[in-house]
Amino acid sequence: MEENGTDMQTESEQCVYECARQKLENLLNKSMKIRMTDGRTLLGLFLCTDRDCNVILGSAQEFLRTTDSFSQAEPRVLGLAMIPGHHVVSIEVETESLQSQGL
């Protein structure tokens, strides 16, 4: 009976893993805004992550002000950027309408 319980737990863990993986795959190449502990905000395309929650953004831009109005801040173009997971405060996925407006 313990084997069945172990098998069911393994299947359950596998389902959770697959669901999480699918969610991450759906975010690939989506525009993301990542706020960091030092107040900077990075905007770029989500390329990958790892077990430590490090994030790789492509075509990344850095904004020094923590404001929702990016037009006030002068961005710095970074290109490919790696954000250590322990520096991430929040992650927002930009909507398609915001992308079409050039933000």
C-alpha atoms as a PDB file:
ATOM      1  CA  MET A   1       0.000   0.000   0.000  1.00  0.00           C
ATOM      2  CA  GLU A   2       2.881   2.330   0.691  1.00  0.00           C
ATOM      3  CA  GLU A   3       4.094   1.826  -2.858  1.00  0.00           C
ATOM      4  CA  ASN A   4       0.752   3.036  -4.214  1.00  0.00           C
ATOM      5  CA  GLY A   5       0.871   6.088  -1.958  1.00  0.00           C
ATOM      6  CA  THR A   6       4.394   6.833  -3.116  1.00  0.00           C
ATOM      7  CA  ASP A   7       3.397   6.345  -6.746  1.00  0.00           C
ATOM      8  CA  MET A   8       0.426   8.688  -6.345  1.00  0.00           C
ATOM      9  CA  GLN A   9       2.600  11.294  -4.671  1.00  0.00           C
ATOM     10  CA  THR A  10       5.142  11.032  -7.460  1.00  0.00           C
ATOM     11  CA  GLU A  11       2.385  11.423 -10.066  1.00  0.00           C
ATOM     12  CA  SER A  12       1.018  14.427  -8.182  1.00  0.00           C
ATOM     13  CA  GLU A  13       4.465  16.023  -7.986  1.00  0.00           C
ATOM     14  CA  GLN A  14       4.957  15.341 -11.690  1.00  0.00           C
ATOM     15  CA  CYS A  15       1.633  17.040 -12.486  1.00  0.00           C
ATOM     16  CA  VAL A  16       2.603  20.115 -10.449  1.00  0.00           C
ATOM     17  CA  TYR A  17       5.982  20.208 -12.188  1.00  0.00           C
ATOM     18  CA  GLU A  18       4.407  19.935 -15.647  1.00  0.00           C
ATOM     19  CA  CYS A  19       1.817  22.644 -14.881  1.00  0.00           C
ATOM     20  CA  ALA A  20       4.512  25.023 -13.635  1.00  0.00           C
ATOM     21  CA  ARG A  21       6.691  24.271 -16.636  1.00  0.00           C
ATOM     22  CA  GLN A  22       3.781  24.940 -19.008  1.00  0.00           C
ATOM     23  CA  LYS A  23       3.096  28.305 -17.346  1.00  0.00           C
ATOM     24  CA  LEU A  24       6.738  29.307 -17.737  1.00  0.00           C
ATOM     25  CA  GLU A  25       6.798  28.166 -21.362  1.00  0.00           C
ATOM     26  CA  ASN A  26       3.759  30.360 -22.049  1.00  0.00           C
ATOM     27  CA  LEU A  27       5.730  33.361 -20.765  1.00  0.00           C
ATOM     28  CA  LEU A  28       8.687  32.840 -23.102  1.00  0.00           C
ATOM     29  CA  ASN A  29       9.390  35.876 -25.296  1.00  0.00           C
ATOM     30  CA  LYS A  30       6.780  37.960 -23.463  1.00  0.00           C
ATOM     31  CA  SER A  31       7.659  41.464 -22.369  1.00  0.00           C
ATOM     32  CA  MET A  32       8.269  41.654 -18.604  1.00  0.00           C
ATOM     33  CA  LYS A  33       8.877  44.414 -16.120  1.00  0.00           C
ATOM     34  CA  ILE A  34      11.070  43.344 -13.192  1.00  0.00           C
ATOM     35  CA  ARG A  35      11.464  45.561 -10.143  1.00  0.00           C
ATOM     36  CA  MET A  36      14.652  45.025  -8.165  1.00  0.00           C
ATOM     37  CA  THR A  37      15.620  45.543  -4.524  1.00  0.00           C
ATOM     38  CA  ASP A  38      17.852  48.521  -5.367  1.00  0.00           C
ATOM     39  CA  GLY A  39      14.976  50.448  -6.972  1.00  0.00           C
ATOM     40  CA  ARG A  40      15.834  49.763 -10.597  1.00  0.00           C
ATOM     41  CA  THR A  41      13.274  48.421 -13.048  1.00  0.00           C
ATOM     42  CA  LEU A  42      14.219  46.281 -16.031  1.00  0.00           C
ATOM     43  CA  LEU A  43      11.966  45.880 -19.046  1.00  0.00           C
ATOM     44  CA  GLY A  44      12.703  43.149 -21.582  1.00  0.00           C
ATOM     45  CA  LEU A  45      11.735  39.840 -23.147  1.00  0.00           C
ATOM     46  CA  PHE A  46      11.634  36.818 -20.842  1.00  0.00           C
ATOM     47  CA  LEU A  47      14.103  34.246 -22.152  1.00  0.00           C
ATOM     48  CA  CYS A  48      14.697  31.832 -19.269  1.00  0.00           C
ATOM     49  CA  THR A  49      14.897  31.205 -15.542  1.00  0.00           C
ATOM     50  CA  ASP A  50      16.414  28.584 -13.253  1.00  0.00           C
ATOM     51  CA  ARG A  51      15.827  26.895  -9.893  1.00  0.00           C
ATOM     52  CA  ASP A  52      17.251  29.889  -8.026  1.00  0.00           C
ATOM     53  CA  CYS A  53      14.722  32.206  -9.724  1.00  0.00           C
ATOM     54  CA  ASN A  54      17.434  33.992 -11.693  1.00  0.00           C
ATOM     55  CA  VAL A  55      15.875  35.555 -14.780  1.00  0.00           C
ATOM     56  CA  ILE A  56      17.374  36.255 -18.210  1.00  0.00           C
ATOM     57  CA  LEU A  57      15.845  39.137 -20.171  1.00  0.00           C
ATOM     58  CA  GLY A  58      16.630  39.914 -23.791  1.00  0.00           C
ATOM     59  CA  SER A  59      16.541  43.411 -25.302  1.00  0.00           C
ATOM     60  CA  ALA A  60      16.498  44.723 -21.740  1.00  0.00           C
ATOM     61  CA  GLN A  61      16.256  48.369 -20.769  1.00  0.00           C
ATOM     62  CA  GLU A  62      17.026  49.697 -17.303  1.00  0.00           C
ATOM     63  CA  PHE A  63      14.980  52.448 -15.664  1.00  0.00           C
ATOM     64  CA  LEU A  64      16.383  54.084 -12.552  1.00  0.00           C
ATOM     65  CA  ARG A  65      13.118  55.484 -11.233  1.00  0.00           C
ATOM     66  CA  THR A  66      10.477  53.243  -9.728  1.00  0.00           C
ATOM     67  CA  THR A  67       7.497  54.812 -11.448  1.00  0.00           C
ATOM     68  CA  ASP A  68       4.766  53.521 -13.710  1.00  0.00           C
ATOM     69  CA  SER A  69       5.324  56.409 -16.110  1.00  0.00           C
ATOM     70  CA  PHE A  70       8.403  55.332 -18.039  1.00  0.00           C
ATOM     71  CA  SER A  71       8.288  58.459 -20.209  1.00  0.00           C
ATOM     72  CA  GLN A  72       9.769  60.470 -17.315  1.00  0.00           C
ATOM     73  CA  ALA A  73      12.786  58.205 -16.888  1.00  0.00           C
ATOM     74  CA  GLU A  74      15.643  57.934 -19.372  1.00  0.00           C
ATOM     75  CA  PRO A  75      16.250  54.223 -20.085  1.00  0.00           C
ATOM     76  CA  ARG A  76      19.665  52.633 -20.409  1.00  0.00           C
ATOM     77  CA  VAL A  77      19.866  49.879 -23.029  1.00  0.00           C
ATOM     78  CA  LEU A  78      21.392  46.716 -21.571  1.00  0.00           C
ATOM     79  CA  GLY A  79      20.641  44.105 -24.219  1.00  0.00           C
ATOM     80  CA  LEU A  80      20.911  40.682 -22.568  1.00  0.00           C
ATOM     81  CA  ALA A  81      20.589  40.892 -18.779  1.00  0.00           C
ATOM     82  CA  MET A  82      20.686  38.363 -15.946  1.00  0.00           C
ATOM     83  CA  ILE A  83      18.787  39.320 -12.810  1.00  0.00           C
ATOM     84  CA  PRO A  84      19.707  37.330  -9.691  1.00  0.00           C
ATOM     85  CA  GLY A  85      16.604  35.861  -8.085  1.00  0.00           C
ATOM     86  CA  HIS A  86      17.399  37.317  -4.667  1.00  0.00           C
ATOM     87  CA  HIS A  87      17.230  40.843  -6.170  1.00  0.00           C
ATOM     88  CA  VAL A  88      13.763  40.401  -7.717  1.00  0.00           C
ATOM     89  CA  VAL A  89      10.983  42.249  -5.894  1.00  0.00           C
ATOM     90  CA  SER A  90       8.209  41.809  -8.459  1.00  0.00           C
ATOM     91  CA  ILE A  91       7.635  40.607 -11.993  1.00  0.00           C
ATOM     92  CA  GLU A  92       4.857  41.911 -14.235  1.00  0.00           C
ATOM     93  CA  VAL A  93       4.017  40.576 -17.666  1.00  0.00           C
ATOM     94  CA  GLU A  94       3.256  43.444 -20.018  1.00  0.00           C
ATOM     95  CA  THR A  95      -0.016  43.176 -21.916  1.00  0.00           C
ATOM     96  CA  GLU A  96      -0.154  43.082 -25.706  1.00  0.00           C
ATOM     97  CA  SER A  97      -1.814  46.509 -25.805  1.00  0.00           C
ATOM     98  CA  LEU A  98       1.114  48.083 -23.960  1.00  0.00           C
ATOM     99  CA  GLN A  99       3.569  46.436 -26.352  1.00  0.00           C
ATOM    100  CA  SER A 100       1.755  47.860 -29.365  1.00  0.00           C
ATOM    101  CA  GLN A 101       2.010  51.352 -27.834  1.00  0.00           C
ATOM    102  CA  GLY A 102       5.789  50.999 -27.651  1.00  0.00           C
ATOM    103  CA  LEU A 103       6.110  50.880 -23.851  1.00  0.00           C
END
